[in-house]
All heavy atoms as atom14 arrays in JSON, in Angstrom:
{
  "sequence": "CERTKEAAVIDPGANAKAILDKIGDLKVIAIINTH",
  "atom14_mask": [
    [1, 1, 1, 1, 1, 1, 0, 0, 0, 0, 0, 0, 0, 0],
    [1, 1, 1, 1, 1, 1, 1, 1, 1, 0, 0, 0, 0, 0],
    [1, 1, 1, 1, 1, 1, 1, 1, 1, 1, 1, 0, 0, 0],
    [1, 1, 1, 1, 1, 1, 1, 0, 0, 0, 0, 0, 0, 0],
    [1, 1, 1, 1, 1, 1, 1, 1, 1, 0, 0, 0, 0, 0],
    [1, 1, 1, 1, 1, 1, 1, 1, 1, 0, 0, 0, 0, 0],
    [1, 1, 1, 1, 1, 0, 0, 0, 0, 0, 0, 0, 0, 0],
    [1, 1, 1, 1, 1, 0, 0, 0, 0, 0, 0, 0, 0, 0],
    [1, 1, 1, 1, 1, 1, 1, 0, 0, 0, 0, 0, 0, 0],
    [1, 1, 1, 1, 1, 1, 1, 1, 0, 0, 0, 0, 0, 0],
    [1, 1, 1, 1, 1, 1, 1, 1, 0, 0, 0, 0, 0, 0],
    [1, 1, 1, 1, 1, 1, 1, 0, 0, 0, 0, 0, 0, 0],
    [1, 1, 1, 1, 0, 0, 0, 0, 0, 0, 0, 0, 0, 0],
    [1, 1, 1, 1, 1, 0, 0, 0, 0, 0, 0, 0, 0, 0],
    [1, 1, 1, 1, 1, 1, 1, 1, 0, 0, 0, 0, 0, 0],
    [1, 1, 1, 1, 1, 0, 0, 0, 0, 0, 0, 0, 0, 0],
    [1, 1, 1, 1, 1, 1, 1, 1, 1, 0, 0, 0, 0, 0],
    [1, 1, 1, 1, 1, 0, 0, 0, 0, 0, 0, 0, 0, 0],
    [1, 1, 1, 1, 1, 1, 1, 1, 0, 0, 0, 0, 0, 0],
    [1, 1, 1, 1, 1, 1, 1, 1, 0, 0, 0, 0, 0, 0],
    [1, 1, 1, 1, 1, 1, 1, 1, 0, 0, 0, 0, 0, 0],
    [1, 1, 1, 1, 1, 1, 1, 1, 1, 0, 0, 0, 0, 0],
    [1, 1, 1, 1, 1, 1, 1, 1, 0, 0, 0, 0, 0, 0],
    [1, 1, 1, 1, 0, 0, 0, 0, 0, 0, 0, 0, 0, 0],
    [1, 1, 1, 1, 1, 1, 1, 1, 0, 0, 0, 0, 0, 0],
    [1, 1, 1, 1, 1, 1, 1, 1, 0, 0, 0, 0, 0, 0],
    [1, 1, 1, 1, 1, 1, 1, 1, 1, 0, 0, 0, 0, 0],
    [1, 1, 1, 1, 1, 1, 1, 0, 0, 0, 0, 0, 0, 0],
    [1, 1, 1, 1, 1, 1, 1, 1, 0, 0, 0, 0, 0, 0],
    [1, 1, 1, 1, 1, 0, 0, 0, 0, 0, 0, 0, 0, 0],
    [1, 1, 1, 1, 1, 1, 1, 1, 0, 0, 0, 0, 0, 0],
    [1, 1, 1, 1, 1, 1, 1, 1, 0, 0, 0, 0, 0, 0],
    [1, 1, 1, 1, 1, 1, 1, 1, 0, 0, 0, 0, 0, 0],
    [1, 1, 1, 1, 1, 1, 1, 0, 0, 0, 0, 0, 0, 0],
    [1, 1, 1, 1, 1, 1, 1, 1, 1, 1, 0, 0, 0, 0]
  ],
  "atom14_positions": [
    [[8.76, -23.9, -2.49], [9.83, -24.63, -3.1], [10.34, -23.9, -4.31], [9.58, -23.66, -5.2], [9.42, -26.02, -3.53], [10.63, -26.98, -4.43], [0.0, 0.0, 0.0], [0.0, 0.0, 0.0], [0.0, 0.0, 0.0], [0.0, 0.0, 0.0], [0.0, 0.0, 0.0], [0.0, 0.0, 0.0], [0.0, 0.0, 0.0], [0.0, 0.0, 0.0]],
    [[11.59, -23.49, -4.36], [12.11, -22.7, -5.42], [12.13, -23.44, -6.73], [11.94, -22.84, -7.78], [13.53, -22.23, -5.11], [13.71, -21.27, -3.96], [13.31, -19.85, -4.36], [12.25, -19.61, -4.98], [14.17, -18.94, -4.06], [0.0, 0.0, 0.0], [0.0, 0.0, 0.0], [0.0, 0.0, 0.0], [0.0, 0.0, 0.0], [0.0, 0.0, 0.0]],
    [[12.21, -24.74, -6.72], [12.23, -25.53, -8.0], [10.88, -25.69, -8.56], [10.68, -25.41, -9.76], [12.93, -26.83, -7.72], [13.03, -27.69, -9.04], [13.65, -29.06, -8.79], [12.94, -29.93, -7.94], [11.85, -30.69, -8.4], [11.6, -30.69, -9.73], [11.16, -31.46, -7.57], [0.0, 0.0, 0.0], [0.0, 0.0, 0.0], [0.0, 0.0, 0.0]],
    [[10.0, -26.16, -7.7], [8.61, -26.51, -8.31], [7.61, -25.33, -8.2], [6.55, -25.48, -8.77], [8.07, -27.69, -7.45], [7.85, -27.34, -6.14], [8.99, -28.89, -7.51], [0.0, 0.0, 0.0], [0.0, 0.0, 0.0], [0.0, 0.0, 0.0], [0.0, 0.0, 0.0], [0.0, 0.0, 0.0], [0.0, 0.0, 0.0], [0.0, 0.0, 0.0]],
    [[7.88, -24.34, -7.36], [7.0, -23.23, -7.16], [5.68, -23.65, -6.41], [4.79, -22.94, -6.4], [6.59, -22.46, -8.39], [7.82, -22.0, -9.16], [8.69, -21.14, -8.35], [9.91, -20.52, -9.08], [10.83, -19.77, -8.3], [0.0, 0.0, 0.0], [0.0, 0.0, 0.0], [0.0, 0.0, 0.0], [0.0, 0.0, 0.0], [0.0, 0.0, 0.0]],
    [[5.72, -24.9, -5.75], [4.72, -25.26, -4.88], [4.87, -24.53, -3.58], [5.95, -24.19, -3.16], [4.63, -26.75, -4.66], [4.29, -27.53, -5.97], [4.27, -28.99, -5.76], [4.77, -29.49, -4.67], [3.74, -29.72, -6.61], [0.0, 0.0, 0.0], [0.0, 0.0, 0.0], [0.0, 0.0, 0.0], [0.0, 0.0, 0.0], [0.0, 0.0, 0.0]],
    [[3.68, -24.26, -2.95], [3.73, -23.5, -1.65], [2.69, -23.99, -0.68], [1.7, -24.6, -1.08], [3.54, -21.98, -1.95], [0.0, 0.0, 0.0], [0.0, 0.0, 0.0], [0.0, 0.0, 0.0], [0.0, 0.0, 0.0], [0.0, 0.0, 0.0], [0.0, 0.0, 0.0], [0.0, 0.0, 0.0], [0.0, 0.0, 0.0], [0.0, 0.0, 0.0]],
    [[3.01, -23.76, 0.61], [2.03, -23.86, 1.66], [1.79, -22.58, 2.36], [2.73, -21.79, 2.56], [2.47, -24.94, 2.64], [0.0, 0.0, 0.0], [0.0, 0.0, 0.0], [0.0, 0.0, 0.0], [0.0, 0.0, 0.0], [0.0, 0.0, 0.0], [0.0, 0.0, 0.0], [0.0, 0.0, 0.0], [0.0, 0.0, 0.0], [0.0, 0.0, 0.0]],
    [[0.62, -22.35, 2.8], [0.3, -21.17, 3.61], [0.04, -21.63, 4.97], [-0.91, -22.39, 5.22], [-0.96, -20.37, 3.02], [-1.23, -19.09, 3.87], [-0.72, -19.98, 1.59], [0.0, 0.0, 0.0], [0.0, 0.0, 0.0], [0.0, 0.0, 0.0], [0.0, 0.0, 0.0], [0.0, 0.0, 0.0], [0.0, 0.0, 0.0], [0.0, 0.0, 0.0]],
    [[0.83, -21.06, 5.95], [0.68, -21.47, 7.33], [-0.01, -20.37, 8.07], [0.41, -19.23, 8.11], [2.05, -21.78, 7.97], [2.78, -22.87, 7.13], [1.95, -22.11, 9.4], [4.22, -23.08, 7.61], [0.0, 0.0, 0.0], [0.0, 0.0, 0.0], [0.0, 0.0, 0.0], [0.0, 0.0, 0.0], [0.0, 0.0, 0.0], [0.0, 0.0, 0.0]],
    [[-1.17, -20.74, 8.62], [-1.9, -19.72, 9.58], [-2.4, -18.53, 8.9], [-1.97, -17.41, 9.28], [-1.04, -19.4, 10.8], [-1.05, -20.6, 11.74], [-1.85, -21.56, 11.66], [-0.14, -20.5, 12.66], [0.0, 0.0, 0.0], [0.0, 0.0, 0.0], [0.0, 0.0, 0.0], [0.0, 0.0, 0.0], [0.0, 0.0, 0.0], [0.0, 0.0, 0.0]],
    [[-3.2, -18.58, 7.84], [-3.85, -17.41, 7.17], [-5.02, -16.87, 8.04], [-6.16, -17.32, 7.92], [-4.3, -18.04, 5.82], [-4.66, -19.36, 6.09], [-3.63, -19.93, 7.15], [0.0, 0.0, 0.0], [0.0, 0.0, 0.0], [0.0, 0.0, 0.0], [0.0, 0.0, 0.0], [0.0, 0.0, 0.0], [0.0, 0.0, 0.0], [0.0, 0.0, 0.0]],
    [[-4.63, -16.02, 9.03], [-5.57, -15.62, 10.05], [-6.52, -14.55, 9.61], [-7.61, -14.47, 10.15], [0.0, 0.0, 0.0], [0.0, 0.0, 0.0], [0.0, 0.0, 0.0], [0.0, 0.0, 0.0], [0.0, 0.0, 0.0], [0.0, 0.0, 0.0], [0.0, 0.0, 0.0], [0.0, 0.0, 0.0], [0.0, 0.0, 0.0], [0.0, 0.0, 0.0]],
    [[-6.13, -13.72, 8.55], [-6.87, -12.58, 8.14], [-6.2, -12.07, 6.92], [-5.25, -12.59, 6.43], [-7.0, -11.55, 9.19], [0.0, 0.0, 0.0], [0.0, 0.0, 0.0], [0.0, 0.0, 0.0], [0.0, 0.0, 0.0], [0.0, 0.0, 0.0], [0.0, 0.0, 0.0], [0.0, 0.0, 0.0], [0.0, 0.0, 0.0], [0.0, 0.0, 0.0]],
    [[-6.7, -10.91, 6.43], [-6.21, -10.19, 5.32], [-5.86, -11.01, 4.08], [-4.72, -11.12, 3.58], [-4.81, -9.56, 5.8], [-5.02, -8.58, 6.93], [-4.54, -8.9, 8.03], [-5.83, -7.44, 6.74], [0.0, 0.0, 0.0], [0.0, 0.0, 0.0], [0.0, 0.0, 0.0], [0.0, 0.0, 0.0], [0.0, 0.0, 0.0], [0.0, 0.0, 0.0]],
    [[-6.98, -11.73, 3.65], [-6.84, -12.74, 2.56], [-6.24, -12.09, 1.32], [-5.35, -12.66, 0.65], [-8.18, -13.44, 2.24], [0.0, 0.0, 0.0], [0.0, 0.0, 0.0], [0.0, 0.0, 0.0], [0.0, 0.0, 0.0], [0.0, 0.0, 0.0], [0.0, 0.0, 0.0], [0.0, 0.0, 0.0], [0.0, 0.0, 0.0], [0.0, 0.0, 0.0]],
    [[-6.62, -10.86, 0.97], [-6.07, -10.26, -0.24], [-4.64, -10.08, -0.25], [-3.84, -10.37, -1.14], [-6.78, -8.88, -0.55], [-6.43, -8.17, -1.8], [-7.09, -6.94, -2.01], [-6.72, -6.35, -3.37], [-5.2, -6.17, -3.57], [0.0, 0.0, 0.0], [0.0, 0.0, 0.0], [0.0, 0.0, 0.0], [0.0, 0.0, 0.0], [0.0, 0.0, 0.0]],
    [[-4.06, -9.59, 0.94], [-2.67, -9.4, 1.08], [-1.93, -10.76, 0.92], [-0.84, -10.82, 0.31], [-2.29, -8.75, 2.36], [0.0, 0.0, 0.0], [0.0, 0.0, 0.0], [0.0, 0.0, 0.0], [0.0, 0.0, 0.0], [0.0, 0.0, 0.0], [0.0, 0.0, 0.0], [0.0, 0.0, 0.0], [0.0, 0.0, 0.0], [0.0, 0.0, 0.0]],
    [[-2.46, -11.82, 1.52], [-1.84, -13.13, 1.41], [-1.89, -13.53, 0.0], [-0.85, -14.05, -0.5], [-2.61, -14.06, 2.27], [-2.43, -13.72, 3.78], [-2.07, -15.5, 2.07], [-3.3, -14.55, 4.69], [0.0, 0.0, 0.0], [0.0, 0.0, 0.0], [0.0, 0.0, 0.0], [0.0, 0.0, 0.0], [0.0, 0.0, 0.0], [0.0, 0.0, 0.0]],
    [[-2.96, -13.37, -0.7], [-3.03, -13.84, -2.12], [-2.11, -13.05, -3.0], [-1.53, -13.57, -4.01], [-4.49, -13.74, -2.66], [-5.48, -14.8, -1.97], [-6.91, -14.4, -2.31], [-5.11, -16.18, -2.5], [0.0, 0.0, 0.0], [0.0, 0.0, 0.0], [0.0, 0.0, 0.0], [0.0, 0.0, 0.0], [0.0, 0.0, 0.0], [0.0, 0.0, 0.0]],
    [[-2.04, -11.75, -2.74], [-1.07, -10.92, -3.52], [0.36, -11.36, -3.27], [1.15, -11.42, -4.3], [-1.14, -9.44, -3.02], [-2.45, -8.73, -3.52], [-3.14, -9.29, -4.39], [-2.73, -7.71, -3.0], [0.0, 0.0, 0.0], [0.0, 0.0, 0.0], [0.0, 0.0, 0.0], [0.0, 0.0, 0.0], [0.0, 0.0, 0.0], [0.0, 0.0, 0.0]],
    [[0.68, -11.81, -2.19], [2.05, -12.28, -1.81], [2.29, -13.65, -2.51], [3.36, -13.97, -2.92], [2.25, -12.45, -0.39], [3.79, -12.83, 0.03], [4.68, -11.81, -0.27], [4.52, -10.53, 0.7], [5.66, -9.55, 0.52], [0.0, 0.0, 0.0], [0.0, 0.0, 0.0], [0.0, 0.0, 0.0], [0.0, 0.0, 0.0], [0.0, 0.0, 0.0]],
    [[1.2, -14.47, -2.6], [1.33, -15.87, -3.23], [1.68, -15.63, -4.67], [2.46, -16.41, -5.24], [0.03, -16.57, -3.08], [-0.14, -17.06, -1.54], [0.0, -17.78, -3.98], [-1.53, -17.54, -1.21], [0.0, 0.0, 0.0], [0.0, 0.0, 0.0], [0.0, 0.0, 0.0], [0.0, 0.0, 0.0], [0.0, 0.0, 0.0], [0.0, 0.0, 0.0]],
    [[0.93, -14.72, -5.38], [1.28, -14.48, -6.78], [1.07, -15.72, -7.64], [-0.05, -16.24, -7.64], [0.0, 0.0, 0.0], [0.0, 0.0, 0.0], [0.0, 0.0, 0.0], [0.0, 0.0, 0.0], [0.0, 0.0, 0.0], [0.0, 0.0, 0.0], [0.0, 0.0, 0.0], [0.0, 0.0, 0.0], [0.0, 0.0, 0.0], [0.0, 0.0, 0.0]],
    [[2.12, -16.1, -8.33], [1.95, -17.24, -9.27], [2.35, -18.62, -8.59], [2.35, -19.63, -9.33], [2.91, -16.97, -10.54], [2.42, -15.75, -11.29], [1.17, -15.55, -11.27], [3.25, -15.1, -11.98], [0.0, 0.0, 0.0], [0.0, 0.0, 0.0], [0.0, 0.0, 0.0], [0.0, 0.0, 0.0], [0.0, 0.0, 0.0], [0.0, 0.0, 0.0]],
    [[2.56, -18.59, -7.27], [2.91, -19.82, -6.69], [1.7, -20.78, -6.75], [0.51, -20.33, -6.69], [3.3, -19.63, -5.24], [4.66, -18.87, -5.02], [4.73, -18.57, -3.57], [5.86, -19.65, -5.47], [0.0, 0.0, 0.0], [0.0, 0.0, 0.0], [0.0, 0.0, 0.0], [0.0, 0.0, 0.0], [0.0, 0.0, 0.0], [0.0, 0.0, 0.0]],
    [[1.95, -22.15, -6.76], [0.88, -23.08, -6.76], [0.75, -23.57, -5.23], [1.55, -24.32, -4.82], [1.29, -24.23, -7.61], [0.22, -25.36, -7.6], [0.65, -26.54, -8.37], [-0.44, -27.69, -8.38], [-0.04, -28.95, -9.1], [0.0, 0.0, 0.0], [0.0, 0.0, 0.0], [0.0, 0.0, 0.0], [0.0, 0.0, 0.0], [0.0, 0.0, 0.0]],
    [[-0.33, -23.13, -4.55], [-0.57, -23.46, -3.25], [-1.14, -24.83, -3.15], [-2.2, -25.15, -3.74], [-1.48, -22.36, -2.53], [-1.7, -22.87, -1.13], [-0.82, -21.06, -2.52], [0.0, 0.0, 0.0], [0.0, 0.0, 0.0], [0.0, 0.0, 0.0], [0.0, 0.0, 0.0], [0.0, 0.0, 0.0], [0.0, 0.0, 0.0], [0.0, 0.0, 0.0]],
    [[-0.45, -25.71, -2.41], [-1.01, -27.12, -2.36], [-1.48, -27.49, -0.91], [-1.87, -28.49, -0.64], [0.01, -28.11, -2.83], [1.21, -28.11, -2.07], [0.34, -27.87, -4.28], [2.25, -29.23, -2.29], [0.0, 0.0, 0.0], [0.0, 0.0, 0.0], [0.0, 0.0, 0.0], [0.0, 0.0, 0.0], [0.0, 0.0, 0.0], [0.0, 0.0, 0.0]],
    [[-1.34, -26.47, 0.02], [-1.83, -26.77, 1.31], [-1.99, -25.48, 2.15], [-1.16, -24.58, 2.02], [-0.88, -27.61, 2.12], [0.0, 0.0, 0.0], [0.0, 0.0, 0.0], [0.0, 0.0, 0.0], [0.0, 0.0, 0.0], [0.0, 0.0, 0.0], [0.0, 0.0, 0.0], [0.0, 0.0, 0.0], [0.0, 0.0, 0.0], [0.0, 0.0, 0.0]],
    [[-3.04, -25.46, 2.92], [-3.26, -24.47, 3.93], [-3.11, -25.2, 5.29], [-3.85, -26.1, 5.49], [-4.63, -23.83, 3.88], [-4.87, -23.03, 2.57], [-4.92, -22.92, 5.15], [-6.27, -22.68, 2.27], [0.0, 0.0, 0.0], [0.0, 0.0, 0.0], [0.0, 0.0, 0.0], [0.0, 0.0, 0.0], [0.0, 0.0, 0.0], [0.0, 0.0, 0.0]],
    [[-2.13, -24.81, 6.1], [-1.92, -25.54, 7.34], [-2.08, -24.65, 8.51], [-1.59, -23.55, 8.66], [-0.35, -25.94, 7.31], [0.03, -26.75, 6.1], [-0.25, -26.88, 8.62], [1.5, -27.17, 5.96], [0.0, 0.0, 0.0], [0.0, 0.0, 0.0], [0.0, 0.0, 0.0], [0.0, 0.0, 0.0], [0.0, 0.0, 0.0], [0.0, 0.0, 0.0]],
    [[-3.04, -25.06, 9.34], [-3.35, -24.36, 10.54], [-2.53, -25.02, 11.7], [-2.73, -26.23, 12.03], [-4.85, -24.33, 10.91], [-5.74, -23.69, 9.83], [-6.71, -24.19, 9.38], [-5.33, -22.4, 9.38], [0.0, 0.0, 0.0], [0.0, 0.0, 0.0], [0.0, 0.0, 0.0], [0.0, 0.0, 0.0], [0.0, 0.0, 0.0], [0.0, 0.0, 0.0]],
    [[-1.79, -24.24, 12.42], [-1.04, -24.78, 13.57], [-1.95, -25.11, 14.75], [-1.56, -25.79, 15.59], [0.16, -23.81, 14.05], [-0.44, -22.56, 14.51], [1.18, -23.64, 12.88], [0.0, 0.0, 0.0], [0.0, 0.0, 0.0], [0.0, 0.0, 0.0], [0.0, 0.0, 0.0], [0.0, 0.0, 0.0], [0.0, 0.0, 0.0], [0.0, 0.0, 0.0]],
    [[-3.07, -24.4, 14.75], [-4.16, -24.71, 15.81], [-5.49, -24.07, 15.31], [-5.47, -23.41, 14.27], [-3.76, -24.36, 17.24], [-3.49, -22.84, 17.44], [-2.35, -22.23, 16.83], [-4.23, -21.94, 17.96], [-2.45, -20.96, 17.18], [-3.52, -20.76, 17.94], [0.0, 0.0, 0.0], [0.0, 0.0, 0.0], [0.0, 0.0, 0.0], [0.0, 0.0, 0.0]]
  ]
}
């Protein structure tokens, strides 16, 4: 969300460091697995 900087990560299947680098300063409030 551009206003609140809250975020969800959908299907973090691997490469956690790359995902966390992309997250940066966002506040992740959910990891959602589609299956």
